[in-house]
Each structure stands twice: as C-alpha cells, then as structure tokens.
Amino acid sequence: MSVEQPYRPLDCRHYDALELACLRGDRLHVELRDGQVLEGQAAGLQTEVDKAEYLRLHTDNGEQRIRLDQLQAITAQDPQVFAGRMVFD
C-alpha cells in the first residue's frame, strides 16, 4: 500500500487494543479507508524510521503490512480483546 500523506498517529486507546491483539495473536477482520477488507492473525506492530506505524497481519495470502492511519475499523474474532467493532476516527 503506497500512501503519500504524512502519517497521523492513532489515539492511544486504539493503539493499546491493537497491541493486545498482536500479543495474543488474535484473528482480526480489518476494514481500510480505501474500502479494502482483510482478515488474518495480528502478528505485531512496527514503527518505521519516518515514525509511521504498521500492523503486521498474517493472511491466507501472506503477511500484509497496514499503515495504522489507513485503518477504518477492526473487529476481533475473539470478543475478549475488545467488544464489537472498533472504528478509527
């Protein structure tokens, strides 16, 4: 995914929920701002030199890196992580 716009960090509560999902290796349904939908196992968060942060997601098509400010919403397949669908402002 090529994104030309400057990175906008996530709110801490959203970042914390993603971090917990990655630690547990939870399965996520991920909706992106461009309308794309992905499903896979949360594998980790990664920060690049330019301070942009990414979610690493293991999908059936291999690992995907998703820039966090491109997230529209996520739904954990395990409701113990967070309740329902989390929408990113």
PDB file of N, CA and C in Angstrom:
ATOM      1  N   MET A   1       0.842  -1.162   0.000  1.00  0.00           N
ATOM      2  CA  MET A   1       0.000   0.000   0.000  1.00  0.00           C
ATOM      3  C   MET A   1       0.893   1.232   0.000  1.00  0.00           C
ATOM      4  N   SER A   2       0.765   2.067  -0.990  1.00  0.00           N
ATOM      5  CA  SER A   2       1.542   3.282  -1.080  1.00  0.00           C
ATOM      6  C   SER A   2       0.690   4.453  -0.590  1.00  0.00           C
ATOM      7  N   VAL A   3       1.194   5.155   0.417  1.00  0.00           N
ATOM      8  CA  VAL A   3       0.465   6.277   0.983  1.00  0.00           C
ATOM      9  C   VAL A   3       1.386   7.486   0.962  1.00  0.00           C
ATOM     10  N   GLU A   4       0.960   8.551   0.280  1.00  0.00           N
ATOM     11  CA  GLU A   4       1.783   9.740   0.126  1.00  0.00           C
ATOM     12  C   GLU A   4       1.592  10.742   1.256  1.00  0.00           C
ATOM     13  N   GLN A   5       0.496  10.680   1.978  1.00  0.00           N
ATOM     14  CA  GLN A   5       0.181  11.663   3.004  1.00  0.00           C
ATOM     15  C   GLN A   5       1.034  11.442   4.254  1.00  0.00           C
ATOM     16  N   PRO A   6       1.307  12.533   5.003  1.00  0.00           N
ATOM     17  CA  PRO A   6       2.042  12.379   6.270  1.00  0.00           C
ATOM     18  C   PRO A   6       1.281  11.465   7.228  1.00  0.00           C
ATOM     19  N   TYR A   7       2.019  10.719   8.001  1.00  0.00           N
ATOM     20  CA  TYR A   7       1.422   9.782   8.947  1.00  0.00           C
ATOM     21  C   TYR A   7       0.739  10.527  10.089  1.00  0.00           C
ATOM     22  N   ARG A   8      -0.460  10.066  10.447  1.00  0.00           N
ATOM     23  CA  ARG A   8      -1.211  10.593  11.597  1.00  0.00           C
ATOM     24  C   ARG A   8      -1.314   9.483  12.643  1.00  0.00           C
ATOM     25  N   PRO A   9      -0.667   9.637  13.801  1.00  0.00           N
ATOM     26  CA  PRO A   9      -0.690   8.597  14.832  1.00  0.00           C
ATOM     27  C   PRO A   9      -2.108   8.314  15.335  1.00  0.00           C
ATOM     28  N   LEU A  10      -2.310   7.080  15.769  1.00  0.00           N
ATOM     29  CA  LEU A  10      -3.593   6.664  16.348  1.00  0.00           C
ATOM     30  C   LEU A  10      -3.731   7.175  17.773  1.00  0.00           C
ATOM     31  N   ASP A  11      -4.962   7.270  18.205  1.00  0.00           N
ATOM     32  CA  ASP A  11      -5.271   7.537  19.597  1.00  0.00           C
ATOM     33  C   ASP A  11      -4.702   6.376  20.423  1.00  0.00           C
ATOM     34  N   CYS A  12      -4.197   6.675  21.607  1.00  0.00           N
ATOM     35  CA  CYS A  12      -3.555   5.660  22.459  1.00  0.00           C
ATOM     36  C   CYS A  12      -4.458   4.467  22.762  1.00  0.00           C
ATOM     37  N   ARG A  13      -5.742   4.691  22.974  1.00  0.00           N
ATOM     38  CA  ARG A  13      -6.642   3.572  23.307  1.00  0.00           C
ATOM     39  C   ARG A  13      -6.756   2.597  22.141  1.00  0.00           C
ATOM     40  N   HIS A  14      -6.730   3.106  20.908  1.00  0.00           N
ATOM     41  CA  HIS A  14      -6.772   2.228  19.740  1.00  0.00           C
ATOM     42  C   HIS A  14      -5.455   1.468  19.590  1.00  0.00           C
ATOM     43  N   TYR A  15      -4.354   2.180  19.789  1.00  0.00           N
ATOM     44  CA  TYR A  15      -3.044   1.539  19.687  1.00  0.00           C
ATOM     45  C   TYR A  15      -2.923   0.423  20.728  1.00  0.00           C
ATOM     46  N   ASP A  16      -3.362   0.702  21.949  1.00  0.00           N
ATOM     47  CA  ASP A  16      -3.285  -0.301  23.024  1.00  0.00           C
ATOM     48  C   ASP A  16      -4.100  -1.545  22.686  1.00  0.00           C
ATOM     49  N   ALA A  17      -5.291  -1.361  22.113  1.00  0.00           N
ATOM     50  CA  ALA A  17      -6.126  -2.509  21.734  1.00  0.00           C
ATOM     51  C   ALA A  17      -5.449  -3.327  20.637  1.00  0.00           C
ATOM     52  N   LEU A  18      -4.818  -2.659  19.674  1.00  0.00           N
ATOM     53  CA  LEU A  18      -4.094  -3.375  18.618  1.00  0.00           C
ATOM     54  C   LEU A  18      -2.891  -4.118  19.194  1.00  0.00           C
ATOM     55  N   GLU A  19      -2.197  -3.477  20.106  1.00  0.00           N
ATOM     56  CA  GLU A  19      -1.031  -4.102  20.728  1.00  0.00           C
ATOM     57  C   GLU A  19      -1.431  -5.383  21.469  1.00  0.00           C
ATOM     58  N   LEU A  20      -2.519  -5.321  22.202  1.00  0.00           N
ATOM     59  CA  LEU A  20      -3.010  -6.502  22.918  1.00  0.00           C
ATOM     60  C   LEU A  20      -3.417  -7.602  21.933  1.00  0.00           C
ATOM     61  N   ALA A  21      -4.087  -7.226  20.853  1.00  0.00           N
ATOM     62  CA  ALA A  21      -4.483  -8.208  19.838  1.00  0.00           C
ATOM     63  C   ALA A  21      -3.246  -8.889  19.241  1.00  0.00           C
ATOM     64  N   CYS A  22      -2.186  -8.121  19.027  1.00  0.00           N
ATOM     65  CA  CYS A  22      -0.951  -8.697  18.488  1.00  0.00           C
ATOM     66  C   CYS A  22      -0.281  -9.633  19.492  1.00  0.00           C
ATOM     67  N   LEU A  23      -0.251  -9.230  20.754  1.00  0.00           N
ATOM     68  CA  LEU A  23       0.350 -10.085  21.782  1.00  0.00           C
ATOM     69  C   LEU A  23      -0.361 -11.425  21.897  1.00  0.00           C
ATOM     70  N   ARG A  24      -1.664 -11.404  21.715  1.00  0.00           N
ATOM     71  CA  ARG A  24      -2.459 -12.629  21.800  1.00  0.00           C
ATOM     72  C   ARG A  24      -2.518 -13.385  20.481  1.00  0.00           C
ATOM     73  N   GLY A  25      -2.116 -12.736  19.387  1.00  0.00           N
ATOM     74  CA  GLY A  25      -2.214 -13.372  18.073  1.00  0.00           C
ATOM     75  C   GLY A  25      -3.647 -13.534  17.619  1.00  0.00           C
ATOM     76  N   ASP A  26      -4.482 -12.556  17.949  1.00  0.00           N
ATOM     77  CA  ASP A  26      -5.906 -12.652  17.638  1.00  0.00           C
ATOM     78  C   ASP A  26      -6.184 -12.540  16.143  1.00  0.00           C
ATOM     79  N   ARG A  27      -7.272 -13.184  15.746  1.00  0.00           N
ATOM     80  CA  ARG A  27      -7.763 -13.070  14.375  1.00  0.00           C
ATOM     81  C   ARG A  27      -8.594 -11.810  14.274  1.00  0.00           C
ATOM     82  N   LEU A  28      -8.319 -11.010  13.227  1.00  0.00           N
ATOM     83  CA  LEU A  28      -8.985  -9.729  13.048  1.00  0.00           C
ATOM     84  C   LEU A  28      -9.644  -9.633  11.681  1.00  0.00           C
ATOM     85  N   HIS A  29     -10.772  -8.946  11.648  1.00  0.00           N
ATOM     86  CA  HIS A  29     -11.432  -8.522  10.416  1.00  0.00           C
ATOM     87  C   HIS A  29     -11.086  -7.037  10.316  1.00  0.00           C
ATOM     88  N   VAL A  30     -10.341  -6.652   9.277  1.00  0.00           N
ATOM     89  CA  VAL A  30      -9.790  -5.302   9.150  1.00  0.00           C
ATOM     90  C   VAL A  30     -10.415  -4.592   7.951  1.00  0.00           C
ATOM     91  N   GLU A  31     -10.964  -3.418   8.199  1.00  0.00           N
ATOM     92  CA  GLU A  31     -11.535  -2.584   7.142  1.00  0.00           C
ATOM     93  C   GLU A  31     -10.637  -1.362   6.961  1.00  0.00           C
ATOM     94  N   LEU A  32     -10.240  -1.093   5.711  1.00  0.00           N
ATOM     95  CA  LEU A  32      -9.368   0.035   5.424  1.00  0.00           C
ATOM     96  C   LEU A  32     -10.160   1.209   4.863  1.00  0.00           C
ATOM     97  N   ARG A  33      -9.587   2.388   4.943  1.00  0.00           N
ATOM     98  CA  ARG A  33     -10.246   3.605   4.463  1.00  0.00           C
ATOM     99  C   ARG A  33     -10.545   3.560   2.965  1.00  0.00           C
ATOM    100  N   ASP A  34      -9.767   2.789   2.206  1.00  0.00           N
ATOM    101  CA  ASP A  34      -9.992   2.701   0.757  1.00  0.00           C
ATOM    102  C   ASP A  34     -11.051   1.652   0.388  1.00  0.00           C
ATOM    103  N   GLY A  35     -11.693   1.040   1.406  1.00  0.00           N
ATOM    104  CA  GLY A  35     -12.743   0.054   1.162  1.00  0.00           C
ATOM    105  C   GLY A  35     -12.257  -1.386   1.156  1.00  0.00           C
ATOM    106  N   GLN A  36     -10.960  -1.602   1.162  1.00  0.00           N
ATOM    107  CA  GLN A  36     -10.410  -2.954   1.175  1.00  0.00           C
ATOM    108  C   GLN A  36     -10.694  -3.608   2.524  1.00  0.00           C
ATOM    109  N   VAL A  37     -10.930  -4.923   2.504  1.00  0.00           N
ATOM    110  CA  VAL A  37     -11.183  -5.698   3.716  1.00  0.00           C
ATOM    111  C   VAL A  37     -10.189  -6.853   3.757  1.00  0.00           C
ATOM    112  N   LEU A  38      -9.573  -7.051   4.922  1.00  0.00           N
ATOM    113  CA  LEU A  38      -8.617  -8.138   5.121  1.00  0.00           C
ATOM    114  C   LEU A  38      -9.001  -8.909   6.373  1.00  0.00           C
ATOM    115  N   GLU A  39      -8.657 -10.186   6.385  1.00  0.00           N
ATOM    116  CA  GLU A  39      -8.826 -10.994   7.588  1.00  0.00           C
ATOM    117  C   GLU A  39      -7.537 -11.759   7.819  1.00  0.00           C
ATOM    118  N   GLY A  40      -7.138 -11.821   9.083  1.00  0.00           N
ATOM    119  CA  GLY A  40      -5.930 -12.557   9.389  1.00  0.00           C
ATOM    120  C   GLY A  40      -5.584 -12.470  10.858  1.00  0.00           C
ATOM    121  N   GLN A  41      -4.418 -13.009  11.172  1.00  0.00           N
ATOM    122  CA  GLN A  41      -3.943 -13.054  12.550  1.00  0.00           C
ATOM    123  C   GLN A  41      -3.010 -11.874  12.798  1.00  0.00           C
ATOM    124  N   ALA A  42      -3.289 -11.124  13.861  1.00  0.00           N
ATOM    125  CA  ALA A  42      -2.444  -9.990  14.239  1.00  0.00           C
ATOM    126  C   ALA A  42      -1.070 -10.522  14.627  1.00  0.00           C
ATOM    127  N   ALA A  43      -0.022 -10.017  13.966  1.00  0.00           N
ATOM    128  CA  ALA A  43       1.318 -10.550  14.168  1.00  0.00           C
ATOM    129  C   ALA A  43       2.268  -9.564  14.833  1.00  0.00           C
ATOM    130  N   GLY A  44       1.913  -8.292  14.877  1.00  0.00           N
ATOM    131  CA  GLY A  44       2.787  -7.329  15.527  1.00  0.00           C
ATOM    132  C   GLY A  44       2.581  -5.931  14.987  1.00  0.00           C
ATOM    133  N   LEU A  45       3.156  -4.974  15.721  1.00  0.00           N
ATOM    134  CA  LEU A  45       3.156  -3.579  15.300  1.00  0.00           C
ATOM    135  C   LEU A  45       4.596  -3.198  15.002  1.00  0.00           C
ATOM    136  N   GLN A  46       4.778  -2.333  14.038  1.00  0.00           N
ATOM    137  CA  GLN A  46       6.115  -1.978  13.589  1.00  0.00           C
ATOM    138  C   GLN A  46       6.168  -0.479  13.349  1.00  0.00           C
ATOM    139  N   THR A  47       7.245   0.169  13.811  1.00  0.00           N
ATOM    140  CA  THR A  47       7.448   1.596  13.585  1.00  0.00           C
ATOM    141  C   THR A  47       8.635   1.767  12.644  1.00  0.00           C
ATOM    142  N   GLU A  48       8.444   2.568  11.613  1.00  0.00           N
ATOM    143  CA  GLU A  48       9.498   2.828  10.624  1.00  0.00           C
ATOM    144  C   GLU A  48      10.304   4.069  11.019  1.00  0.00           C
ATOM    145  N   VAL A  49      11.385   4.315  10.322  1.00  0.00           N
ATOM    146  CA  VAL A  49      12.264   5.445  10.588  1.00  0.00           C
ATOM    147  C   VAL A  49      11.513   6.771  10.521  1.00  0.00           C
ATOM    148  N   ASP A  50      10.540   6.881   9.600  1.00  0.00           N
ATOM    149  CA  ASP A  50       9.762   8.118   9.450  1.00  0.00           C
ATOM    150  C   ASP A  50       8.646   8.234  10.482  1.00  0.00           C
ATOM    151  N   LYS A  51       8.624   7.336  11.479  1.00  0.00           N
ATOM    152  CA  LYS A  51       7.657   7.293  12.582  1.00  0.00           C
ATOM    153  C   LYS A  51       6.287   6.745  12.194  1.00  0.00           C
ATOM    154  N   ALA A  52       6.091   6.335  10.948  1.00  0.00           N
ATOM    155  CA  ALA A  52       4.840   5.697  10.545  1.00  0.00           C
ATOM    156  C   ALA A  52       4.766   4.322  11.206  1.00  0.00           C
ATOM    157  N   GLU A  53       3.577   3.970  11.694  1.00  0.00           N
ATOM    158  CA  GLU A  53       3.375   2.702  12.390  1.00  0.00           C
ATOM    159  C   GLU A  53       2.508   1.780  11.547  1.00  0.00           C
ATOM    160  N   TYR A  54       2.805   0.480  11.617  1.00  0.00           N
ATOM    161  CA  TYR A  54       2.138  -0.514  10.788  1.00  0.00           C
ATOM    162  C   TYR A  54       1.669  -1.694  11.629  1.00  0.00           C
ATOM    163  N   LEU A  55       0.550  -2.258  11.217  1.00  0.00           N
ATOM    164  CA  LEU A  55       0.059  -3.525  11.747  1.00  0.00           C
ATOM    165  C   LEU A  55       0.521  -4.619  10.796  1.00  0.00           C
ATOM    166  N   ARG A  56       1.169  -5.640  11.345  1.00  0.00           N
ATOM    167  CA  ARG A  56       1.526  -6.812  10.549  1.00  0.00           C
ATOM    168  C   ARG A  56       0.415  -7.836  10.745  1.00  0.00           C
ATOM    169  N   LEU A  57      -0.150  -8.288   9.637  1.00  0.00           N
ATOM    170  CA  LEU A  57      -1.294  -9.194   9.660  1.00  0.00           C
ATOM    171  C   LEU A  57      -0.984 -10.407   8.792  1.00  0.00           C
ATOM    172  N   HIS A  58      -1.014 -11.605   9.398  1.00  0.00           N
ATOM    173  CA  HIS A  58      -0.827 -12.840   8.636  1.00  0.00           C
ATOM    174  C   HIS A  58      -2.160 -13.223   8.013  1.00  0.00           C
ATOM    175  N   THR A  59      -2.220 -13.204   6.678  1.00  0.00           N
ATOM    176  CA  THR A  59      -3.441 -13.557   5.960  1.00  0.00           C
ATOM    177  C   THR A  59      -3.191 -14.835   5.153  1.00  0.00           C
ATOM    178  N   ASP A  60      -4.227 -15.327   4.501  1.00  0.00           N
ATOM    179  CA  ASP A  60      -4.078 -16.503   3.636  1.00  0.00           C
ATOM    180  C   ASP A  60      -3.142 -16.210   2.457  1.00  0.00           C
ATOM    181  N   ASN A  61      -2.957 -14.932   2.126  1.00  0.00           N
ATOM    182  CA  ASN A  61      -2.090 -14.523   1.012  1.00  0.00           C
ATOM    183  C   ASN A  61      -0.719 -14.069   1.486  1.00  0.00           C
ATOM    184  N   GLY A  62      -0.346 -14.399   2.713  1.00  0.00           N
ATOM    185  CA  GLY A  62       0.941 -13.993   3.253  1.00  0.00           C
ATOM    186  C   GLY A  62       0.800 -12.811   4.191  1.00  0.00           C
ATOM    187  N   GLU A  63       1.929 -12.286   4.626  1.00  0.00           N
ATOM    188  CA  GLU A  63       1.895 -11.172   5.575  1.00  0.00           C
ATOM    189  C   GLU A  63       1.599  -9.857   4.862  1.00  0.00           C
ATOM    190  N   GLN A  64       0.701  -9.083   5.458  1.00  0.00           N
ATOM    191  CA  GLN A  64       0.344  -7.753   4.963  1.00  0.00           C
ATOM    192  C   GLN A  64       0.793  -6.739   6.007  1.00  0.00           C
ATOM    193  N   ARG A  65       1.313  -5.620   5.531  1.00  0.00           N
ATOM    194  CA  ARG A  65       1.639  -4.501   6.423  1.00  0.00           C
ATOM    195  C   ARG A  65       0.634  -3.397   6.153  1.00  0.00           C
ATOM    196  N   ILE A  66      -0.043  -2.958   7.206  1.00  0.00           N
ATOM    197  CA  ILE A  66      -1.104  -1.970   7.062  1.00  0.00           C
ATOM    198  C   ILE A  66      -0.727  -0.749   7.895  1.00  0.00           C
ATOM    199  N   ARG A  67      -0.598   0.399   7.229  1.00  0.00           N
ATOM    200  CA  ARG A  67      -0.285   1.624   7.955  1.00  0.00           C
ATOM    201  C   ARG A  67      -1.483   1.974   8.839  1.00  0.00           C
ATOM    202  N   LEU A  68      -1.223   2.224  10.122  1.00  0.00           N
ATOM    203  CA  LEU A  68      -2.305   2.356  11.096  1.00  0.00           C
ATOM    204  C   LEU A  68      -3.277   3.480  10.787  1.00  0.00           C
ATOM    205  N   ASP A  69      -2.812   4.560  10.165  1.00  0.00           N
ATOM    206  CA  ASP A  69      -3.746   5.652   9.862  1.00  0.00           C
ATOM    207  C   ASP A  69      -4.626   5.350   8.655  1.00  0.00           C
ATOM    208  N   GLN A  70      -4.470   4.175   8.063  1.00  0.00           N
ATOM    209  CA  GLN A  70      -5.337   3.742   6.970  1.00  0.00           C
ATOM    210  C   GLN A  70      -6.447   2.811   7.453  1.00  0.00           C
ATOM    211  N   LEU A  71      -6.448   2.496   8.761  1.00  0.00           N
ATOM    212  CA  LEU A  71      -7.493   1.650   9.334  1.00  0.00           C
ATOM    213  C   LEU A  71      -8.801   2.425   9.450  1.00  0.00           C
ATOM    214  N   GLN A  72      -9.874   1.814   9.005  1.00  0.00           N
ATOM    215  CA  GLN A  72     -11.218   2.376   9.174  1.00  0.00           C
ATOM    216  C   GLN A  72     -11.888   1.744  10.395  1.00  0.00           C
ATOM    217  N   ALA A  73     -11.769   0.413  10.486  1.00  0.00           N
ATOM    218  CA  ALA A  73     -12.367  -0.310  11.612  1.00  0.00           C
ATOM    219  C   ALA A  73     -11.749  -1.698  11.693  1.00  0.00           C
ATOM    220  N   ILE A  74     -11.781  -2.264  12.888  1.00  0.00           N
ATOM    221  CA  ILE A  74     -11.386  -3.665  13.069  1.00  0.00           C
ATOM    222  C   ILE A  74     -12.411  -4.331  13.968  1.00  0.00           C
ATOM    223  N   THR A  75     -12.588  -5.619  13.726  1.00  0.00           N
ATOM    224  CA  THR A  75     -13.440  -6.440  14.574  1.00  0.00           C
ATOM    225  C   THR A  75     -12.626  -7.662  14.958  1.00  0.00           C
ATOM    226  N   ALA A  76     -12.457  -7.872  16.252  1.00  0.00           N
ATOM    227  CA  ALA A  76     -11.724  -9.051  16.721  1.00  0.00           C
ATOM    228  C   ALA A  76     -12.643 -10.252  16.654  1.00  0.00           C
ATOM    229  N   GLN A  77     -12.122 -11.363  16.190  1.00  0.00           N
ATOM    230  CA  GLN A  77     -12.891 -12.592  16.139  1.00  0.00           C
ATOM    231  C   GLN A  77     -13.039 -13.196  17.533  1.00  0.00           C
ATOM    232  N   ASP A  78     -12.209 -12.744  18.490  1.00  0.00           N
ATOM    233  CA  ASP A  78     -12.291 -13.153  19.885  1.00  0.00           C
ATOM    234  C   ASP A  78     -12.774 -11.960  20.698  1.00  0.00           C
ATOM    235  N   PRO A  79     -14.009 -11.959  21.154  1.00  0.00           N
ATOM    236  CA  PRO A  79     -14.570 -10.787  21.835  1.00  0.00           C
ATOM    237  C   PRO A  79     -13.928 -10.460  23.181  1.00  0.00           C
ATOM    238  N   GLN A  80     -13.003 -11.278  23.668  1.00  0.00           N
ATOM    239  CA  GLN A  80     -12.345 -10.977  24.933  1.00  0.00           C
ATOM    240  C   GLN A  80     -11.359  -9.819  24.804  1.00  0.00           C
ATOM    241  N   VAL A  81     -10.880  -9.545  23.587  1.00  0.00           N
ATOM    242  CA  VAL A  81      -9.901  -8.485  23.389  1.00  0.00           C
ATOM    243  C   VAL A  81     -10.560  -7.122  23.531  1.00  0.00           C
ATOM    244  N   PHE A  82     -11.595  -6.873  22.796  1.00  0.00           N
ATOM    245  CA  PHE A  82     -12.385  -5.657  22.919  1.00  0.00           C
ATOM    246  C   PHE A  82     -13.772  -5.978  22.385  1.00  0.00           C
ATOM    247  N   ALA A  83     -14.752  -5.241  22.837  1.00  0.00           N
ATOM    248  CA  ALA A  83     -16.131  -5.544  22.498  1.00  0.00           C
ATOM    249  C   ALA A  83     -16.495  -4.992  21.132  1.00  0.00           C
ATOM    250  N   GLY A  84     -17.014  -5.845  20.281  1.00  0.00           N
ATOM    251  CA  GLY A  84     -17.564  -5.418  19.000  1.00  0.00           C
ATOM    252  C   GLY A  84     -16.551  -4.870  18.022  1.00  0.00           C
ATOM    253  N   ARG A  85     -17.019  -3.908  17.261  1.00  0.00           N
ATOM    254  CA  ARG A  85     -16.253  -3.313  16.164  1.00  0.00           C
ATOM    255  C   ARG A  85     -15.627  -2.008  16.651  1.00  0.00           C
ATOM    256  N   MET A  86     -14.326  -1.851  16.457  1.00  0.00           N
ATOM    257  CA  MET A  86     -13.639  -0.629  16.838  1.00  0.00           C
ATOM    258  C   MET A  86     -13.460   0.232  15.595  1.00  0.00           C
ATOM    259  N   VAL A  87     -14.017   1.430  15.627  1.00  0.00           N
ATOM    260  CA  VAL A  87     -13.935   2.355  14.485  1.00  0.00           C
ATOM    261  C   VAL A  87     -12.866   3.394  14.793  1.00  0.00           C
ATOM    262  N   PHE A  88     -12.008   3.649  13.817  1.00  0.00           N
ATOM    263  CA  PHE A  88     -10.931   4.617  13.955  1.00  0.00           C
ATOM    264  C   PHE A  88     -11.362   5.950  13.373  1.00  0.00           C
ATOM    265  N   ASP A  89     -11.255   7.011  14.159  1.00  0.00           N
ATOM    266  CA  ASP A  89     -11.652   8.345  13.695  1.00  0.00           C
ATOM    267  C   ASP A  89     -10.631   8.909  12.740  1.00  0.00           C
TER     268      ASP A  89
END
